[in-house]
Amino acid sequence: DLSLGMELGVNNEVRLTYRRGYATVDEQVGTRIVPYEQIQKGSMNLAFEHDSLDDAFLPESGAFAGLRGRLERQGLGSERDFDSVRAMALGAKTWDKTTLTGLVFVNAVTGGVAGVENSVILGGFQRLSAYSQGEISGEDAALASAFARQSFGGPFFPWFAGVGAEAGNAWSTLGDARWENLLYSWSLFAGVETVIGPVQFSTAYNNEDDWSAYLNVGFSFTQLFH
């Protein structure tokens, strides 16, 4: 990709990016859904970001807000013609040693057909944690989550523990979104802060009576937007 951007004050930036590449789809079962092995991709992306989080991995204060428009066109090297919008807001606030983090994420295709290679991928650690990574996918998606954690220990062995609740899903279109088809996940987690980022162990349960467990290093909430 090639980007041209500008900083707007201390915490804001606007960026125009041309992105070129290809995707592959590995079909394991069923009929072939993509007629070619390499799917060409080419797009222009205009994004605005605000980032005042005090830490990329375990923020205690500040906020992140991002809005991105994407135009995928054959004239830019793509196999597809479609438009999409992605938005995300994240905030963190700490009282004494208790931190509350809230997140809202939406991705919507506003014109054309994005195709399976451009699906939003949910599932995995703190993205509907009780579902496997990639188990939930669709052209449009929405996610809302809240996490509360408590810090313990001193400067030589800082550790934390907390709880989380997540709700969301992915659809072929946001018009299919209903309260009754939302997926839910609840989690317990604990971890330690290290020089390579937080090392966390988490276990999660969902509304379909499934459990999952994770060992994760260096997770950042803003990865979902990018």
Protein backbone atom coordinates (compact mmCIF):
# COMPACT_ATOMS: atom_id res chain seq x y z
CA ASP A 1 0.00 0.00 0.00
CA LEU A 2 0.93 3.66 -0.42
CA SER A 3 -0.41 6.31 1.96
CA LEU A 4 -0.50 10.08 2.16
CA GLY A 5 -1.58 11.49 5.49
CA MET A 6 -1.60 14.48 7.77
CA GLU A 7 -1.57 14.85 11.54
CA LEU A 8 -4.33 17.06 12.92
CA GLY A 9 -3.11 18.17 16.33
CA VAL A 10 -1.60 15.67 18.76
CA ASN A 11 -4.09 12.76 18.64
CA ASN A 12 -5.71 12.90 15.19
CA GLU A 13 -4.76 11.99 11.66
CA VAL A 14 -6.35 11.72 8.23
CA ARG A 15 -4.90 9.31 5.68
CA LEU A 16 -5.54 8.42 2.03
CA THR A 17 -4.26 4.95 1.07
CA TYR A 18 -4.04 3.02 -2.19
CA ARG A 19 -3.90 -0.71 -1.47
CA ARG A 20 -3.11 -3.44 -4.00
CA GLY A 21 -2.79 -7.20 -3.53
CA TYR A 22 -4.59 -10.49 -3.87
CA ALA A 23 -6.43 -13.01 -1.73
CA THR A 24 -6.82 -16.77 -1.89
CA VAL A 25 -9.71 -18.94 -0.72
CA ASP A 26 -8.93 -22.47 0.48
CA GLU A 27 -12.16 -24.42 0.03
CA GLN A 28 -12.26 -27.60 2.11
CA VAL A 29 -15.75 -28.94 1.39
CA GLY A 30 -18.66 -28.23 -0.94
CA THR A 31 -18.76 -26.65 -4.38
CA ARG A 32 -16.22 -24.05 -5.44
CA ILE A 33 -17.39 -20.51 -4.64
CA VAL A 34 -14.51 -18.63 -6.31
CA PRO A 35 -13.73 -19.44 -9.97
CA TYR A 36 -10.05 -18.43 -9.76
CA GLU A 37 -7.24 -19.23 -7.34
CA GLN A 38 -6.02 -15.66 -6.83
CA ILE A 39 -8.55 -12.88 -6.31
CA GLN A 40 -7.10 -9.50 -7.24
CA LYS A 41 -7.76 -6.59 -4.88
CA GLY A 42 -7.27 -2.86 -5.43
CA SER A 43 -8.81 -0.05 -3.41
CA MET A 44 -8.66 3.54 -2.26
CA ASN A 45 -9.21 4.10 1.46
CA LEU A 46 -9.85 7.38 3.25
CA ALA A 47 -9.57 7.14 7.03
CA PHE A 48 -9.79 9.46 10.02
CA GLU A 49 -8.45 8.33 13.39
CA HIS A 50 -8.38 9.81 16.87
CA ASP A 51 -6.16 8.02 19.38
CA SER A 52 -5.63 9.37 22.89
CA LEU A 53 -5.27 5.98 24.62
CA ASP A 54 -2.48 6.00 27.18
CA ASP A 55 -1.42 2.43 26.30
CA ALA A 56 -1.86 0.34 23.16
CA PHE A 57 -2.41 -2.96 25.02
CA LEU A 58 -3.94 -2.18 28.43
CA PRO A 59 -5.34 1.36 28.28
CA GLU A 60 -6.39 2.97 31.55
CA SER A 61 -7.63 6.23 30.05
CA GLY A 62 -8.30 7.89 26.73
CA ALA A 63 -10.24 7.01 23.61
CA PHE A 64 -9.91 5.70 20.07
CA ALA A 65 -12.29 6.60 17.24
CA GLY A 66 -11.90 5.60 13.62
CA LEU A 67 -13.92 6.05 10.45
CA ARG A 68 -12.84 4.60 7.09
CA GLY A 69 -14.38 4.57 3.65
CA ARG A 70 -13.19 2.04 1.07
CA LEU A 71 -13.72 1.99 -2.71
CA GLU A 72 -12.75 -1.24 -4.45
CA ARG A 73 -12.75 -0.87 -8.25
CA GLN A 74 -11.64 -2.84 -11.31
CA GLY A 75 -9.88 0.32 -12.48
CA LEU A 76 -7.75 0.10 -9.33
CA GLY A 77 -6.81 -3.53 -10.03
CA SER A 78 -9.66 -5.30 -8.23
CA GLU A 79 -11.87 -8.19 -9.33
CA ARG A 80 -14.77 -6.48 -7.48
CA ASP A 81 -16.65 -3.20 -7.53
CA PHE A 82 -17.95 -2.28 -4.08
CA ASP A 83 -17.97 0.43 -1.40
CA SER A 84 -17.77 -0.10 2.35
CA VAL A 85 -17.64 1.90 5.57
CA ARG A 86 -15.98 0.86 8.83
CA ALA A 87 -16.35 2.66 12.16
CA MET A 88 -15.07 1.94 15.64
CA ALA A 89 -15.14 3.71 19.01
CA LEU A 90 -13.24 2.63 22.12
CA GLY A 91 -12.95 4.28 25.51
CA ALA A 92 -11.17 3.47 28.78
CA LYS A 93 -11.63 4.96 32.24
CA THR A 94 -9.99 4.03 35.55
CA TRP A 95 -11.16 4.52 39.11
CA ASP A 96 -8.43 3.68 41.64
CA LYS A 97 -7.22 0.31 40.24
CA THR A 98 -10.42 -0.66 38.41
CA THR A 99 -10.56 0.00 34.65
CA LEU A 100 -13.66 -0.15 32.45
CA THR A 101 -13.21 -0.46 28.68
CA GLY A 102 -16.05 -0.20 26.17
CA LEU A 103 -16.00 -0.85 22.41
CA VAL A 104 -18.43 -0.47 19.49
CA PHE A 105 -17.54 -1.65 15.96
CA VAL A 106 -19.53 -1.66 12.69
CA ASN A 107 -18.60 -2.61 9.12
CA ALA A 108 -21.11 -2.21 6.28
CA VAL A 109 -20.93 -2.69 2.51
CA THR A 110 -22.84 0.28 1.08
CA GLY A 111 -22.72 -0.67 -2.61
CA GLY A 112 -21.85 -3.68 -4.75
CA VAL A 113 -20.83 -7.15 -3.56
CA ALA A 114 -17.65 -7.49 -1.50
CA GLY A 115 -17.25 -11.26 -1.85
CA VAL A 116 -16.04 -13.85 0.60
CA GLU A 117 -12.42 -12.69 0.43
CA ASN A 118 -13.46 -9.33 1.93
CA SER A 119 -15.55 -10.76 4.76
CA VAL A 120 -15.22 -9.32 8.25
CA ILE A 121 -13.81 -12.00 10.55
CA LEU A 122 -15.07 -12.24 14.13
CA GLY A 123 -14.49 -14.86 16.79
CA GLY A 124 -11.34 -15.26 18.80
CA PHE A 125 -9.91 -13.42 21.78
CA GLN A 126 -12.16 -10.47 22.77
CA ARG A 127 -13.98 -10.58 19.40
CA LEU A 128 -16.85 -12.77 20.64
CA SER A 129 -14.35 -14.76 22.64
CA ALA A 130 -16.32 -17.98 23.07
CA TYR A 131 -16.31 -18.53 19.30
CA SER A 132 -13.27 -19.73 17.34
CA GLN A 133 -11.32 -17.25 15.25
CA GLY A 134 -12.98 -17.02 11.83
CA GLU A 135 -16.07 -18.95 12.94
CA ILE A 136 -18.17 -15.81 12.37
CA SER A 137 -17.81 -13.98 9.05
CA GLY A 138 -19.85 -11.84 6.70
CA GLU A 139 -19.72 -8.76 4.52
CA ASP A 140 -21.38 -6.70 7.28
CA ALA A 141 -20.68 -7.03 10.99
CA ALA A 142 -21.32 -5.34 14.32
CA LEU A 143 -19.77 -5.84 17.75
CA ALA A 144 -20.23 -4.22 21.15
CA SER A 145 -18.25 -5.20 24.23
CA ALA A 146 -17.41 -4.10 27.75
CA PHE A 147 -14.54 -5.28 29.95
CA ALA A 148 -13.76 -4.54 33.58
CA ARG A 149 -10.38 -5.36 35.07
CA GLN A 150 -8.70 -4.91 38.42
CA SER A 151 -4.96 -4.29 38.77
CA PHE A 152 -2.92 -6.02 41.46
CA GLY A 153 0.70 -6.32 42.52
CA GLY A 154 3.46 -3.77 42.48
CA PRO A 155 5.97 -2.43 39.96
CA PHE A 156 7.97 -5.68 39.93
CA PHE A 157 5.05 -8.05 39.29
CA PRO A 158 1.98 -6.20 37.97
CA TRP A 159 -0.92 -8.48 37.22
CA PHE A 160 -4.63 -8.07 36.57
CA ALA A 161 -7.92 -9.97 36.39
CA GLY A 162 -11.32 -9.14 35.02
CA VAL A 163 -14.57 -10.00 33.31
CA GLY A 164 -16.03 -9.21 29.89
CA ALA A 165 -19.31 -9.27 27.97
CA GLU A 166 -19.59 -9.17 24.17
CA ALA A 167 -22.48 -9.12 21.69
CA GLY A 168 -22.49 -9.07 17.89
CA ASN A 169 -22.59 -11.06 14.68
CA ALA A 170 -21.78 -10.91 10.98
CA TRP A 171 -24.33 -10.97 8.15
CA SER A 172 -24.48 -10.81 4.35
CA THR A 173 -26.15 -7.43 4.92
CA LEU A 174 -26.92 -5.33 8.00
CA GLY A 175 -30.57 -5.54 6.95
CA ASP A 176 -30.50 -9.12 8.29
CA ALA A 177 -29.45 -7.95 11.78
CA ARG A 178 -32.01 -8.70 14.47
CA TRP A 179 -31.88 -8.74 18.26
CA GLU A 180 -32.76 -12.44 18.15
CA ASN A 181 -29.77 -13.40 15.97
CA LEU A 182 -27.12 -11.64 18.03
CA LEU A 183 -24.41 -13.85 19.51
CA TYR A 184 -23.23 -13.37 23.08
CA SER A 185 -20.03 -14.21 24.92
CA TRP A 186 -18.98 -13.80 28.55
CA SER A 187 -15.40 -14.19 29.71
CA LEU A 188 -13.07 -14.30 32.68
CA PHE A 189 -9.42 -13.36 32.20
CA ALA A 190 -6.20 -12.80 34.12
CA GLY A 191 -2.71 -11.85 33.08
CA VAL A 192 0.63 -10.26 33.81
CA GLU A 193 2.33 -7.26 32.22
CA THR A 194 5.66 -8.07 30.56
CA VAL A 195 8.21 -6.31 28.36
CA ILE A 196 6.60 -7.87 25.26
CA GLY A 197 3.09 -6.83 26.27
CA PRO A 198 0.41 -8.37 28.48
CA VAL A 199 0.28 -12.16 28.67
CA GLN A 200 -3.33 -13.14 29.29
CA PHE A 201 -5.24 -16.33 29.97
CA SER A 202 -8.96 -16.21 29.28
CA THR A 203 -11.91 -18.57 29.33
CA ALA A 204 -15.24 -17.72 27.70
CA TYR A 205 -18.79 -19.06 27.47
CA ASN A 206 -21.46 -18.24 24.86
CA ASN A 207 -25.24 -18.45 24.46
CA GLU A 208 -24.89 -21.71 22.52
CA ASP A 209 -23.39 -23.49 25.56
CA ASP A 210 -19.85 -23.56 24.13
CA TRP A 211 -16.64 -22.87 26.03
CA SER A 212 -13.24 -21.73 24.82
CA ALA A 213 -9.87 -20.85 26.36
CA TYR A 214 -7.03 -18.61 25.17
CA LEU A 215 -3.44 -17.80 25.98
CA ASN A 216 -2.71 -14.47 24.31
CA VAL A 217 0.33 -12.17 24.12
CA GLY A 218 0.20 -8.48 23.27
CA PHE A 219 -3.45 -8.06 22.23
CA SER A 220 -4.55 -4.59 21.04
CA PHE A 221 -8.24 -3.61 20.70
CA THR A 222 -7.53 -1.33 17.72
CA GLN A 223 -6.42 -4.28 15.56
CA LEU A 224 -10.11 -4.80 14.80
CA PHE A 225 -10.32 -1.43 13.00
CA HIS A 226 -7.14 -1.81 11.00
